[in-house]
C-alpha atoms as a PDB file:
ATOM      1  CA  MET A   1     -29.827   1.079  -7.396  1.00  0.00           C
ATOM      2  CA  LEU A   2     -25.702  -0.700  -8.399  1.00  0.00           C
ATOM      3  CA  HIS A   3     -24.186  -2.355  -5.822  1.00  0.00           C
ATOM      4  CA  VAL A   4     -19.997  -2.832  -6.012  1.00  0.00           C
ATOM      5  CA  VAL A   5     -18.514  -5.908  -4.630  1.00  0.00           C
ATOM      6  CA  ASN A   6     -15.298  -5.138  -4.101  1.00  0.00           C
ATOM      7  CA  VAL A   7     -14.370  -9.815  -3.970  1.00  0.00           C
ATOM      8  CA  ILE A   8     -10.856 -10.838  -2.464  1.00  0.00           C
ATOM      9  CA  SER A   9      -9.639 -13.418  -4.432  1.00  0.00           C
ATOM     10  CA  ALA A  10      -7.442 -16.455  -1.761  1.00  0.00           C
ATOM     11  CA  PHE A  11      -4.785 -17.638  -3.584  1.00  0.00           C
ATOM     12  CA  THR A  12      -2.416 -20.630  -1.770  1.00  0.00           C
ATOM     13  CA  LYS A  13       0.262 -22.926  -3.734  1.00  0.00           C
ATOM     14  CA  CYS A  14       2.606 -24.904  -2.266  1.00  0.00           C
ATOM     15  CA  TYR A  15       6.324 -25.561  -3.981  1.00  0.00           C
ATOM     16  CA  SER A  16       8.660 -28.077  -3.336  1.00  0.00           C
ATOM     17  CA  ALA A  17      12.641 -27.147  -3.301  1.00  0.00           C
ATOM     18  CA  ASN A  18      15.188 -28.185  -0.936  1.00  0.00           C
ATOM     19  CA  HIS A  19      13.079 -31.444  -0.605  1.00  0.00           C
ATOM     20  CA  GLN A  20      10.875 -29.494   2.038  1.00  0.00           C
ATOM     21  CA  GLN A  21       6.999 -27.946   1.128  1.00  0.00           C
ATOM     22  CA  TYR A  22       6.884 -24.342   0.916  1.00  0.00           C
ATOM     23  CA  CYS A  23       4.028 -22.836   1.142  1.00  0.00           C
ATOM     24  CA  PHE A  24       2.480 -19.662  -0.097  1.00  0.00           C
ATOM     25  CA  TYR A  25      -0.838 -17.683   0.703  1.00  0.00           C
ATOM     26  CA  THR A  26      -1.944 -14.221  -0.312  1.00  0.00           C
ATOM     27  CA  ASP A  27      -6.239 -12.753  -0.070  1.00  0.00           C
ATOM     28  CA  GLY A  28      -5.604  -9.776  -1.627  1.00  0.00           C
ATOM     29  CA  SER A  29      -5.926  -7.951   1.996  1.00  0.00           C
ATOM     30  CA  GLU A  30      -3.790  -4.429   2.193  1.00  0.00           C
ATOM     31  CA  LEU A  31      -2.411  -5.476   5.572  1.00  0.00           C
ATOM     32  CA  SER A  32       0.656  -3.142   7.220  1.00  0.00           C
ATOM     33  CA  TRP A  33       3.613  -5.626   7.908  1.00  0.00           C
ATOM     34  CA  ASP A  34       3.344  -5.688  11.519  1.00  0.00           C
ATOM     35  CA  ASP A  35      -0.591  -7.269  10.366  1.00  0.00           C
ATOM     36  CA  ALA A  36       0.760  -9.630   7.791  1.00  0.00           C
ATOM     37  CA  ARG A  37       3.014 -10.726  10.491  1.00  0.00           C
ATOM     38  CA  GLU A  38       0.297 -11.435  13.082  1.00  0.00           C
ATOM     39  CA  PHE A  39      -1.830 -12.719  10.762  1.00  0.00           C
ATOM     40  CA  CYS A  40       0.908 -15.233   9.291  1.00  0.00           C
ATOM     41  CA  GLY A  41       1.236 -16.557  13.524  1.00  0.00           C
ATOM     42  CA  SER A  42      -2.114 -16.686  13.912  1.00  0.00           C
ATOM     43  CA  LEU A  43      -2.263 -19.254  11.314  1.00  0.00           C
ATOM     44  CA  ASN A  44       1.326 -20.658  12.882  1.00  0.00           C
ATOM     45  CA  SER A  45       3.254 -19.253  10.399  1.00  0.00           C
ATOM     46  CA  THR A  46       5.522 -16.188   9.237  1.00  0.00           C
ATOM     47  CA  LEU A  47       5.984 -14.055   6.769  1.00  0.00           C
ATOM     48  CA  PRO A  48       8.457 -15.947   3.560  1.00  0.00           C
ATOM     49  CA  ILE A  49      11.765 -15.487   4.535  1.00  0.00           C
ATOM     50  CA  ILE A  50      14.406 -16.701   1.555  1.00  0.00           C
ATOM     51  CA  THR A  51      17.878 -18.276   2.346  1.00  0.00           C
ATOM     52  CA  ASP A  52      19.097 -19.788  -0.681  1.00  0.00           C
ATOM     53  CA  GLU A  53      17.906 -19.014  -3.863  1.00  0.00           C
ATOM     54  CA  ASP A  54      16.013 -22.104  -4.483  1.00  0.00           C
ATOM     55  CA  ILE A  55      13.029 -20.987  -2.264  1.00  0.00           C
ATOM     56  CA  ASP A  56      13.823 -18.068  -4.394  1.00  0.00           C
ATOM     57  CA  ASN A  57      12.730 -19.545  -7.581  1.00  0.00           C
ATOM     58  CA  VAL A  58       9.713 -20.807  -6.072  1.00  0.00           C
ATOM     59  CA  PHE A  59       8.568 -17.754  -4.552  1.00  0.00           C
ATOM     60  CA  GLN A  60       8.820 -15.909  -7.207  1.00  0.00           C
ATOM     61  CA  ARG A  61       6.851 -19.070  -8.851  1.00  0.00           C
ATOM     62  CA  PHE A  62       4.496 -17.847  -6.530  1.00  0.00           C
ATOM     63  CA  ILE A  63       4.308 -14.544  -7.053  1.00  0.00           C
ATOM     64  CA  SER A  64       3.917 -15.538 -11.247  1.00  0.00           C
ATOM     65  CA  ASP A  65       1.628 -17.939 -10.577  1.00  0.00           C
ATOM     66  CA  SER A  66      -0.729 -15.287  -8.403  1.00  0.00           C
ATOM     67  CA  SER A  67      -0.109 -12.426 -10.175  1.00  0.00           C
ATOM     68  CA  ASN A  68      -3.270 -12.260 -11.831  1.00  0.00           C
ATOM     69  CA  ALA A  69      -5.462 -12.501  -8.359  1.00  0.00           C
ATOM     70  CA  ASN A  70      -3.878  -8.770  -8.119  1.00  0.00           C
ATOM     71  CA  ASN A  71      -2.177  -9.346  -4.491  1.00  0.00           C
ATOM     72  CA  TYR A  72       0.670  -8.354  -2.818  1.00  0.00           C
ATOM     73  CA  VAL A  73       2.919  -9.890  -0.389  1.00  0.00           C
ATOM     74  CA  TRP A  74       5.324  -8.843   2.587  1.00  0.00           C
ATOM     75  CA  LEU A  75       8.671 -10.488   2.757  1.00  0.00           C
ATOM     76  CA  ASP A  76       9.504 -10.865   6.473  1.00  0.00           C
ATOM     77  CA  ALA A  77      13.290  -9.051   6.840  1.00  0.00           C
ATOM     78  CA  HIS A  78      14.271  -5.276   7.539  1.00  0.00           C
ATOM     79  CA  ALA A  79      16.663  -2.981   7.513  1.00  0.00           C
ATOM     80  CA  GLN A  80      19.029  -2.301   9.889  1.00  0.00           C
ATOM     81  CA  HIS A  81      20.715   1.796   9.793  1.00  0.00           C
ATOM     82  CA  VAL A  82      25.040   1.128   9.939  1.00  0.00           C
ATOM     83  CA  SER A  83      26.915   4.180   9.308  1.00  0.00           C
ATOM     84  CA  ASN A  84      24.669   6.276   7.153  1.00  0.00           C
ATOM     85  CA  SER A  85      22.275   3.537   4.712  1.00  0.00           C
ATOM     86  CA  ALA A  86      20.591   0.511   5.413  1.00  0.00           C
ATOM     87  CA  GLN A  87      20.957  -3.329   4.905  1.00  0.00           C
ATOM     88  CA  TRP A  88      18.418  -5.856   5.023  1.00  0.00           C
ATOM     89  CA  HIS A  89      18.012  -8.437   7.421  1.00  0.00           C
ATOM     90  CA  TRP A  90      15.810 -11.402   7.744  1.00  0.00           C
ATOM     91  CA  ILE A  91      13.944 -11.259  11.243  1.00  0.00           C
ATOM     92  CA  ASN A  92      15.680 -14.490  12.287  1.00  0.00           C
ATOM     93  CA  GLY A  93      19.346 -12.345  11.481  1.00  0.00           C
ATOM     94  CA  GLN A  94      20.003 -13.663   8.272  1.00  0.00           C
ATOM     95  CA  SER A  95      21.859 -11.406   6.383  1.00  0.00           C
ATOM     96  CA  SER A  96      19.749 -10.811   2.794  1.00  0.00           C
ATOM     97  CA  GLY A  97      22.983 -11.082   1.086  1.00  0.00           C
END
């Protein structure tokens, strides 16, 4: 009898930007946005918030570096509906651009 096992590959990597270290993690889980935020909170962390081009660049590098892992990522943003259109904002209140 053949048993097929799904292997979830965790991937973590840290990058320097703006004189700080930014670490990203993905493990292949398909969580809802709420569940992903709760998981990050349990690790005393947050979903990524892209506040400038340097952080965007390191996040894009993480996506590229983890592409072989076939993983999913969430960002910590939400849509605010204003005048029949949605404007995206980071959960900390900053505009997404």
